[in-house]
């Protein structure tokens, strides 16, 4: 029953996405759903796209192993990111009339900054997609006994098919269905966990006090702040989020839907937190902490409720994969390929966007197969651009201070310092270090640019 239900659900999503693809007539339809989505679709597409495998599988596993300190990124850090986007950035971004974050960089700085931004954003998105595809395989392998290679291939094939055909037009509609499935499936699990523990009070009382702290005796304050900074600031300039803001019908809808999506994300995200805290006491220790969520569901839920729960996990994964694939295809097609092929018709631009979605879908599938774990892969994706991108993004949107040289310098310094800190271990807070250094470099180079302009002689009229 479970395998049949899962396959039927996945095929239904594929059919819905392909049906919506019939409405795609232009690149704007493909990348931005015609810039015409309202409150319900916008709220659920923001919620469902952000609510991925990390929120379900990764966060529950980290919290089961480390307590609340393991949940700094999900759901808390990413929820803050969404709320910050809604309060400060969403309406201003919408008014720019752009399609990608790299468009903003071209508009504010130069084509060179546009291309560098696109090259930084693209790996972030397909690493993110690869993490979700891997999580899909883990969910099906743990719950149905299906071969993990078959499960990963099924996930990749399904989402690439409807994402490359229907783009964001298909994505926002499937996100609505998937978001509703998430709320129902995880809601049932949360109810079952609280009931099995004898109520919410006894459930929380059973958790050791040290597991309810966001800090850790083995982690310094600087390291804790860095762990929070990655999801909050590292994802603030994510194309997956920006494109959904830009697809809204008005700046008011963009701002309010982002706030509503962030609130819904935090509310539903607390269920995996509860499972991570209480679940070990219900099912005992596990060899792989990331299996805590499906293990608890398998123990507590009946057959029908368990199918709904697995549908919720699949929904979380599919919605995030299609968002990531559309993000990378949009920046590569629009900001890297199209400038090299001027004079293309809108139909040709649409075909390029679809081809890029297909290519990066294959790359994400390969990354998902090769990855060791979901949590680390998502963290790499969130921080890959370093702290430079959020610095340049903020100045681009809110200030005329600084030019192309300051933007390029900040992007370069942010990326290099983050890579050195992350993979070589230079310092305890690689992301915060990269962001602070990028800010200093941006301001310093911008001041030099301003001084150079002030010294430039003003041409006189010789007539």
Protein backbone atom coordinates (compact mmCIF):
# COMPACT_ATOMS: atom_id res chain seq x y z
CA UNK A 1 0.00 0.00 0.00
CA UNK A 2 2.74 2.45 0.95
CA UNK A 3 4.81 2.03 -2.20
CA UNK A 4 1.69 2.27 -4.36
CA UNK A 5 0.55 5.39 -2.51
CA UNK A 6 3.94 7.06 -2.85
CA UNK A 7 4.20 6.32 -6.56
CA UNK A 8 0.62 7.53 -7.13
CA UNK A 9 1.34 10.77 -5.27
CA UNK A 10 4.54 11.45 -7.20
CA UNK A 11 2.84 10.74 -10.53
CA UNK A 12 -0.04 13.05 -9.56
CA UNK A 13 2.45 15.86 -8.92
CA UNK A 14 4.06 15.18 -12.27
CA UNK A 15 0.69 15.26 -14.04
CA UNK A 16 -0.30 18.52 -12.32
CA UNK A 17 3.01 20.14 -13.24
CA UNK A 18 2.77 19.06 -16.87
CA UNK A 19 -0.83 20.26 -17.05
CA UNK A 20 0.21 23.72 -15.81
CA UNK A 21 3.01 23.75 -18.40
CA UNK A 22 0.37 24.36 -21.07
CA UNK A 23 -0.01 27.92 -19.74
CA UNK A 24 3.66 28.78 -20.24
CA UNK A 25 3.94 31.07 -23.26
CA UNK A 26 7.03 33.16 -22.52
CA UNK A 27 10.20 33.23 -20.48
CA UNK A 28 8.46 35.50 -17.96
CA UNK A 29 5.78 32.83 -17.49
CA UNK A 30 8.49 30.20 -17.03
CA UNK A 31 10.73 32.15 -14.64
CA UNK A 32 8.19 34.35 -12.80
CA UNK A 33 4.75 32.74 -13.34
CA UNK A 34 3.74 35.85 -15.27
CA UNK A 35 4.36 38.05 -12.17
CA UNK A 36 0.77 37.37 -11.21
CA UNK A 37 0.56 35.17 -8.08
CA UNK A 38 -1.63 36.20 -5.16
CA UNK A 39 -1.56 35.70 -1.40
CA UNK A 40 -2.40 32.00 -1.17
CA UNK A 41 -0.07 30.77 -3.90
CA UNK A 42 2.71 33.15 -2.81
CA UNK A 43 2.51 32.17 0.87
CA UNK A 44 2.50 28.46 0.18
CA UNK A 45 5.21 28.54 -2.48
CA UNK A 46 7.54 30.46 -0.14
CA UNK A 47 6.74 28.10 2.74
CA UNK A 48 6.96 24.88 0.72
CA UNK A 49 10.12 25.86 -1.17
CA UNK A 50 11.95 26.73 2.05
CA UNK A 51 10.59 23.73 3.96
CA UNK A 52 12.87 21.07 2.55
CA UNK A 53 14.68 17.93 3.60
CA UNK A 54 16.87 19.86 6.02
CA UNK A 55 13.84 21.07 7.98
CA UNK A 56 12.43 17.54 8.26
CA UNK A 57 15.23 14.99 8.11
CA UNK A 58 18.34 17.03 8.87
CA UNK A 59 17.01 19.23 11.67
CA UNK A 60 15.27 16.38 13.51
CA UNK A 61 18.46 14.33 13.32
CA UNK A 62 20.68 17.17 14.52
CA UNK A 63 18.35 17.94 17.43
CA UNK A 64 18.07 14.25 18.35
CA UNK A 65 21.86 14.14 18.54
CA UNK A 66 22.71 17.58 19.97
CA UNK A 67 19.52 19.05 21.43
CA UNK A 68 18.20 22.49 20.43
CA UNK A 69 21.76 23.59 19.74
CA UNK A 70 21.62 21.43 16.63
CA UNK A 71 18.57 23.31 15.37
CA UNK A 72 20.04 26.78 15.05
CA UNK A 73 19.73 26.65 11.27
CA UNK A 74 16.41 24.86 10.99
CA UNK A 75 13.81 25.91 11.62
CA UNK A 76 14.86 28.96 13.60
CA UNK A 77 17.59 30.52 11.47
CA UNK A 78 15.78 30.08 8.16
CA UNK A 79 12.54 31.39 9.67
CA UNK A 80 14.35 34.56 10.75
CA UNK A 81 15.71 34.84 7.20
CA UNK A 82 12.19 34.75 5.73
CA UNK A 83 10.85 37.27 8.22
CA UNK A 84 13.81 39.58 7.58
CA UNK A 85 13.20 39.34 3.84
CA UNK A 86 9.55 40.27 4.34
CA UNK A 87 10.23 43.23 6.62
CA UNK A 88 13.19 44.82 4.83
CA UNK A 89 13.65 43.55 1.29
CA UNK A 90 10.58 42.03 -0.42
CA UNK A 91 8.72 45.17 -1.50
CA UNK A 92 11.89 47.00 -2.55
CA UNK A 93 13.01 44.01 -4.61
CA UNK A 94 9.64 43.73 -6.35
CA UNK A 95 9.73 47.39 -7.39
CA UNK A 96 13.01 46.84 -9.26
CA UNK A 97 11.20 44.90 -11.99
CA UNK A 98 13.97 42.30 -12.26
CA UNK A 99 13.93 38.52 -12.69
CA UNK A 100 17.10 37.39 -10.87
CA UNK A 101 19.50 38.67 -8.25
CA UNK A 102 22.12 38.96 -11.00
CA UNK A 103 19.78 41.35 -12.85
CA UNK A 104 19.94 43.60 -9.79
CA UNK A 105 23.74 43.49 -9.90
CA UNK A 106 23.77 44.51 -13.57
CA UNK A 107 21.23 47.26 -12.93
CA UNK A 108 23.11 48.66 -9.93
CA UNK A 109 26.76 47.88 -10.73
CA UNK A 110 27.84 46.41 -14.09
CA UNK A 111 27.58 43.35 -16.38
CA UNK A 112 30.81 42.03 -14.82
CA UNK A 113 29.24 41.98 -11.35
CA UNK A 114 26.16 40.36 -12.89
CA UNK A 115 28.23 37.49 -14.32
CA UNK A 116 30.23 36.93 -11.14
CA UNK A 117 27.02 36.85 -9.09
CA UNK A 118 25.48 34.29 -11.45
CA UNK A 119 28.60 32.11 -11.17
CA UNK A 120 28.37 32.23 -7.36
CA UNK A 121 24.62 31.60 -7.14
CA UNK A 122 24.50 28.65 -9.56
CA UNK A 123 26.52 26.14 -7.46
CA UNK A 124 24.55 27.11 -4.36
CA UNK A 125 21.25 26.15 -5.97
CA UNK A 126 22.23 22.80 -7.42
CA UNK A 127 24.01 21.80 -4.18
CA UNK A 128 20.71 22.58 -2.45
CA UNK A 129 18.81 20.51 -4.99
CA UNK A 130 21.27 17.64 -4.59
CA UNK A 131 20.66 17.60 -0.83
CA UNK A 132 16.92 17.31 -1.34
CA UNK A 133 17.26 14.52 -3.90
CA UNK A 134 19.45 12.57 -1.48
CA UNK A 135 16.90 13.07 1.28
CA UNK A 136 14.17 11.69 -0.98
CA UNK A 137 16.15 8.48 -1.33
CA UNK A 138 16.68 8.26 2.43
CA UNK A 139 12.96 8.69 3.14
CA UNK A 140 11.86 6.02 0.69
CA UNK A 141 14.63 3.61 1.65
CA UNK A 142 13.75 3.90 5.35
CA UNK A 143 9.99 3.71 4.95
CA UNK A 144 9.33 1.35 2.03
CA UNK A 145 12.46 -0.72 1.54
CA UNK A 146 12.77 0.63 -2.00
CA UNK A 147 16.30 0.59 -3.42
CA UNK A 148 17.86 3.99 -2.70
CA UNK A 149 19.26 4.35 -6.23
CA UNK A 150 15.80 3.76 -7.69
CA UNK A 151 14.27 6.25 -5.26
CA UNK A 152 16.80 8.97 -6.08
CA UNK A 153 16.30 8.43 -9.81
CA UNK A 154 12.50 8.59 -9.38
CA UNK A 155 12.76 11.86 -7.46
CA UNK A 156 15.12 13.48 -9.93
CA UNK A 157 13.21 12.34 -13.01
CA UNK A 158 9.86 13.55 -11.70
CA UNK A 159 10.89 17.01 -10.61
CA UNK A 160 13.11 17.67 -13.62
CA UNK A 161 10.24 16.72 -15.93
CA UNK A 162 7.68 19.14 -14.53
CA UNK A 163 10.17 21.89 -13.64
CA UNK A 164 11.68 21.96 -17.13
CA UNK A 165 8.24 21.89 -18.76
CA UNK A 166 6.25 24.27 -16.57
CA UNK A 167 8.82 26.38 -14.75
CA UNK A 168 7.57 28.53 -11.88
CA UNK A 169 4.05 28.42 -13.34
CA UNK A 170 3.97 24.71 -12.52
CA UNK A 171 6.06 25.14 -9.38
CA UNK A 172 3.71 27.49 -7.51
CA UNK A 173 0.67 25.25 -8.12
CA UNK A 174 2.43 22.04 -7.09
CA UNK A 175 3.86 23.93 -4.10
CA UNK A 176 0.31 24.70 -2.96
CA UNK A 177 -0.62 21.01 -3.01
CA UNK A 178 2.68 20.04 -1.42
CA UNK A 179 2.37 22.72 1.26
CA UNK A 180 -1.08 21.47 2.26
CA UNK A 181 0.26 17.90 2.36
CA UNK A 182 3.10 19.09 4.61
CA UNK A 183 0.75 20.72 7.09
CA UNK A 184 -1.51 17.65 7.25
CA UNK A 185 1.23 15.01 7.36
CA UNK A 186 3.45 16.68 9.94
CA UNK A 187 0.41 17.78 11.94
CA UNK A 188 -0.64 14.15 12.30
CA UNK A 189 2.86 13.19 13.43
CA UNK A 190 3.03 16.01 15.97
CA UNK A 191 -0.33 14.97 17.43
CA UNK A 192 0.80 11.33 17.66
CA UNK A 193 4.07 12.24 19.43
CA UNK A 194 2.33 14.43 22.00
CA UNK A 195 -0.32 11.75 22.59
CA UNK A 196 2.30 9.00 23.02
CA UNK A 197 4.19 11.12 25.55
CA UNK A 198 1.05 11.80 27.60
CA UNK A 199 0.66 15.45 26.58
CA UNK A 200 2.87 18.36 25.61
CA UNK A 201 3.92 19.13 29.18
CA UNK A 202 5.09 15.59 29.99
CA UNK A 203 6.77 15.36 26.58
CA UNK A 204 8.91 18.44 27.23
CA UNK A 205 9.48 17.43 30.87
CA UNK A 206 11.05 14.19 29.65
CA UNK A 207 13.80 16.11 27.83
CA UNK A 208 17.04 16.67 29.72
CA UNK A 209 17.47 20.41 30.54
CA UNK A 210 20.82 20.66 28.75
CA UNK A 211 19.13 19.54 25.51
CA UNK A 212 16.83 22.60 25.65
CA UNK A 213 19.69 25.08 25.32
CA UNK A 214 20.57 26.71 22.00
CA UNK A 215 24.20 26.83 23.10
CA UNK A 216 26.62 24.04 23.86
CA UNK A 217 29.43 23.62 26.34
CA UNK A 218 31.62 22.36 23.50
CA UNK A 219 30.81 25.31 21.20
CA UNK A 220 32.06 28.87 21.68
CA UNK A 221 29.82 31.92 21.40
CA UNK A 222 31.51 32.89 18.13
CA UNK A 223 30.88 29.45 16.63
CA UNK A 224 27.24 29.59 17.74
CA UNK A 225 26.77 33.01 16.16
CA UNK A 226 28.35 31.74 12.95
CA UNK A 227 25.97 28.78 12.87
CA UNK A 228 23.04 31.22 13.09
CA UNK A 229 24.50 33.66 10.56
CA UNK A 230 24.74 31.07 7.77
CA UNK A 231 20.97 30.45 7.40
CA UNK A 232 19.94 34.02 8.19
CA UNK A 233 22.36 36.01 6.04
CA UNK A 234 23.68 33.29 3.74
CA UNK A 235 20.18 32.59 2.41
CA UNK A 236 18.84 36.14 2.40
CA UNK A 237 20.07 36.66 -1.16
CA UNK A 238 19.02 33.19 -2.36
CA UNK A 239 17.51 33.18 -5.85
CA UNK A 240 14.96 30.54 -4.74
CA UNK A 241 13.43 33.10 -2.38
CA UNK A 242 13.95 36.19 -4.50
CA UNK A 243 12.20 34.74 -7.56
CA UNK A 244 9.05 34.01 -5.53
CA UNK A 245 9.02 37.54 -4.18
CA UNK A 246 9.35 38.89 -7.72
CA UNK A 247 6.55 36.64 -9.01
CA UNK A 248 3.95 38.26 -6.74
CA UNK A 249 1.23 40.49 -8.17
CA UNK A 250 2.20 43.57 -6.12
CA UNK A 251 4.82 44.73 -3.60
CA UNK A 252 2.26 44.49 -0.80
CA UNK A 253 1.53 40.85 -1.64
CA UNK A 254 5.27 40.18 -1.86
CA UNK A 255 5.92 41.60 1.62
CA UNK A 256 2.90 40.10 3.40
CA UNK A 257 3.20 36.68 1.76
CA UNK A 258 6.86 36.43 2.74
CA UNK A 259 5.96 37.20 6.35
CA UNK A 260 3.07 34.71 6.29
CA UNK A 261 5.29 32.07 4.69
CA UNK A 262 7.95 32.66 7.34
CA UNK A 263 5.43 32.34 10.16
CA UNK A 264 3.98 29.14 8.72
CA UNK A 265 7.50 27.80 8.23
CA UNK A 266 8.36 28.35 11.89
CA UNK A 267 5.08 26.91 13.15
CA UNK A 268 5.25 23.67 11.13
CA UNK A 269 9.03 23.50 11.59
CA UNK A 270 8.55 23.12 15.34
CA UNK A 271 7.13 19.62 14.76
CA UNK A 272 10.47 18.07 13.64
CA UNK A 273 12.05 19.92 16.59
CA UNK A 274 9.63 18.18 18.95
CA UNK A 275 10.30 14.81 17.32
CA UNK A 276 14.05 15.34 17.61
CA UNK A 277 13.79 16.18 21.31
CA UNK A 278 11.29 13.51 22.34
CA UNK A 279 11.69 10.83 19.66
CA UNK A 280 14.77 9.10 21.08
CA UNK A 281 12.81 8.34 24.23
CA UNK A 282 10.05 6.78 22.12
CA UNK A 283 12.06 4.63 19.71
CA UNK A 284 15.47 4.34 21.39
CA UNK A 285 18.88 5.35 20.00
CA UNK A 286 19.48 5.01 16.25
CA UNK A 287 22.65 4.31 14.30
CA UNK A 288 21.82 7.21 11.96
CA UNK A 289 20.17 10.19 13.73
CA UNK A 290 18.74 11.49 10.42
CA UNK A 291 16.36 8.50 10.45
CA UNK A 292 14.63 9.68 13.66
CA UNK A 293 11.64 11.28 11.92
CA UNK A 294 10.59 8.30 9.75
CA UNK A 295 11.38 5.90 12.61
CA UNK A 296 9.05 7.72 15.02
CA UNK A 297 6.34 7.97 12.36
CA UNK A 298 6.62 4.26 11.59
CA UNK A 299 6.24 3.43 15.29
CA UNK A 300 3.31 5.75 16.10
CA UNK A 301 1.19 6.24 12.99
CA UNK A 302 -1.37 3.89 11.51
CA UNK A 303 -1.17 2.82 7.85
CA UNK A 304 -3.23 5.67 6.38
CA UNK A 305 -1.63 8.36 8.56
CA UNK A 306 1.81 6.97 7.75
CA UNK A 307 1.13 7.26 4.02
CA UNK A 308 0.09 10.89 4.57
CA UNK A 309 3.27 11.50 6.56
CA UNK A 310 5.48 10.06 3.83
CA UNK A 311 3.55 12.21 1.37
CA UNK A 312 4.44 15.23 3.52
CA UNK A 313 8.15 14.40 3.41
CA UNK A 314 8.04 13.86 -0.33
CA UNK A 315 6.21 17.18 -0.70
CA UNK A 316 8.91 18.96 1.29
CA UNK A 317 11.59 17.53 -0.94
CA UNK A 318 9.90 17.95 -4.33
CA UNK A 319 8.93 21.58 -3.67
CA UNK A 320 12.48 22.50 -2.69
CA UNK A 321 14.10 20.65 -5.60
CA UNK A 322 11.98 22.39 -8.21
CA UNK A 323 12.67 25.76 -6.58
CA UNK A 324 16.42 25.18 -6.59
CA UNK A 325 16.48 23.94 -10.18
CA UNK A 326 14.48 26.93 -11.42
CA UNK A 327 16.78 29.26 -9.48
CA UNK A 328 19.97 27.96 -11.05
CA UNK A 329 18.46 27.72 -14.53
CA UNK A 330 17.18 31.31 -14.35
CA UNK A 331 20.52 32.89 -13.46
CA UNK A 332 22.52 30.75 -15.88
CA UNK A 333 20.11 31.18 -18.80
CA UNK A 334 19.31 34.85 -18.27
CA UNK A 335 22.61 36.20 -16.96
CA UNK A 336 25.28 33.96 -18.52
CA UNK A 337 23.94 32.38 -21.71
CA UNK A 338 21.68 35.11 -23.10
CA UNK A 339 24.33 37.89 -23.06
CA UNK A 340 26.51 35.64 -25.23
CA UNK A 341 23.67 35.07 -27.73
CA UNK A 342 22.11 38.49 -28.40
CA UNK A 343 19.08 38.83 -30.62
CA UNK A 344 17.25 35.71 -29.44
CA UNK A 345 13.48 35.62 -29.62
CA UNK A 346 11.44 35.09 -26.45
CA UNK A 347 10.69 31.55 -27.61
CA UNK A 348 14.42 30.83 -27.89
CA UNK A 349 15.04 32.30 -24.43
CA UNK A 350 12.31 30.03 -23.07
CA UNK A 351 13.96 27.00 -24.69
CA UNK A 352 17.34 27.96 -23.19
CA UNK A 353 15.75 28.22 -19.73
CA UNK A 354 14.18 24.78 -20.08
CA UNK A 355 17.44 23.26 -21.29
CA UNK A 356 19.33 24.74 -18.33
CA UNK A 357 16.75 23.27 -15.93
CA UNK A 358 17.28 19.85 -17.47
CA UNK A 359 21.09 20.06 -17.35
CA UNK A 360 21.22 21.20 -13.73
CA UNK A 361 18.66 18.57 -12.79
CA UNK A 362 21.11 15.91 -13.96
CA UNK A 363 23.95 17.60 -12.04
CA UNK A 364 21.83 17.75 -8.86
CA UNK A 365 21.05 14.04 -9.25
CA UNK A 366 24.77 13.25 -9.43
CA UNK A 367 25.49 15.44 -6.39
CA UNK A 368 22.71 13.74 -4.43
CA UNK A 369 24.10 10.30 -5.19
CA UNK A 370 27.63 11.27 -4.16
CA UNK A 371 26.82 13.24 -0.97
CA UNK A 372 27.47 11.82 2.50
CA UNK A 373 24.67 13.58 4.38
CA UNK A 374 21.86 16.07 4.05
CA UNK A 375 22.75 18.51 6.84
CA UNK A 376 26.32 19.28 5.74
CA UNK A 377 25.33 19.55 2.09
CA UNK A 378 22.64 22.13 2.89
CA UNK A 379 25.05 24.09 5.08
CA UNK A 380 27.58 24.13 2.25
CA UNK A 381 24.88 25.36 -0.12
CA UNK A 382 23.75 28.14 2.22
CA UNK A 383 27.26 29.44 2.83
CA UNK A 384 28.87 28.80 -0.55
CA UNK A 385 28.68 32.42 -1.72
CA UNK A 386 30.41 33.54 1.46
CA UNK A 387 29.36 36.69 3.27
CA UNK A 388 30.18 38.91 0.30
CA UNK A 389 26.95 38.38 -1.60
CA UNK A 390 24.62 39.57 1.16
CA UNK A 391 26.82 42.67 1.66
CA UNK A 392 26.77 43.57 -2.03
CA UNK A 393 23.07 42.71 -2.29
CA UNK A 394 22.17 45.02 0.60
CA UNK A 395 24.18 47.95 -0.77
CA UNK A 396 22.71 47.35 -4.24
CA UNK A 397 19.16 47.60 -2.96
CA UNK A 398 19.45 50.35 -0.38
CA UNK A 399 22.39 52.60 -1.27
CA UNK A 400 24.19 54.31 -4.14
CA UNK A 401 27.46 54.05 -2.22
CA UNK A 402 30.07 51.93 -4.00
CA UNK A 403 30.54 50.86 -7.60
CA UNK A 404 31.57 47.81 -9.63
CA UNK A 405 35.07 47.60 -8.15
CA UNK A 406 33.84 47.59 -4.56
CA UNK A 407 31.22 44.96 -5.40
CA UNK A 408 33.70 42.66 -7.14
CA UNK A 409 36.25 43.06 -4.33
CA UNK A 410 33.67 42.21 -1.66
CA UNK A 411 32.41 39.16 -3.56
CA UNK A 412 35.96 37.86 -4.04
CA UNK A 413 37.09 38.42 -0.44
CA UNK A 414 33.89 36.94 0.99
CA UNK A 415 34.15 33.78 -1.09
CA UNK A 416 37.87 33.20 -0.49
CA UNK A 417 37.68 33.69 3.28
CA UNK A 418 34.65 31.43 3.60
CA UNK A 419 36.30 28.66 1.57
CA UNK A 420 39.51 28.93 3.62
CA UNK A 421 37.59 28.87 6.90
CA UNK A 422 35.21 26.09 5.92
CA UNK A 423 37.62 23.65 4.31
CA UNK A 424 41.02 24.53 5.78
CA UNK A 425 39.85 25.57 9.23
CA UNK A 426 41.26 29.08 9.42
CA UNK A 427 39.29 30.52 12.33
CA UNK A 428 36.18 29.43 14.27
CA UNK A 429 33.61 31.56 12.39
CA UNK A 430 34.24 31.40 8.63
CA UNK A 431 30.94 32.90 7.51
CA UNK A 432 30.91 35.84 9.92
CA UNK A 433 34.57 36.47 9.15
CA UNK A 434 33.89 36.48 5.42
CA UNK A 435 30.89 38.81 5.83
CA UNK A 436 32.75 41.26 8.06
CA UNK A 437 35.79 41.29 5.77
CA UNK A 438 33.57 41.77 2.70
CA UNK A 439 31.88 44.75 4.37
CA UNK A 440 35.23 46.36 5.24
CA UNK A 441 36.59 45.77 1.74
CA UNK A 442 33.43 47.08 0.08
CA UNK A 443 33.52 50.32 2.10
CA UNK A 444 37.28 50.79 1.62
CA UNK A 445 37.19 50.29 -2.14
CA UNK A 446 34.06 52.44 -2.45
CA UNK A 447 35.86 55.29 -0.67
CA UNK A 448 38.80 54.90 -3.05
CA UNK A 449 36.39 54.95 -6.00
CA UNK A 450 34.79 58.13 -4.68
CA UNK A 451 38.19 59.77 -4.14
CA UNK A 452 39.23 58.86 -7.67
CA UNK A 453 36.08 60.43 -9.08
CA UNK A 454 36.65 63.60 -7.03
CA UNK A 455 40.18 63.98 -8.40
CA UNK A 456 39.12 63.45 -12.01
CA UNK A 457 39.34 66.78 -13.86
CA UNK A 458 36.05 68.21 -15.03
CA UNK A 459 36.10 68.77 -18.83
CA UNK A 460 35.63 72.40 -19.86
CA UNK A 461 33.69 73.69 -22.83
CA UNK A 462 36.29 74.69 -25.44
CA UNK A 463 33.79 76.24 -27.79
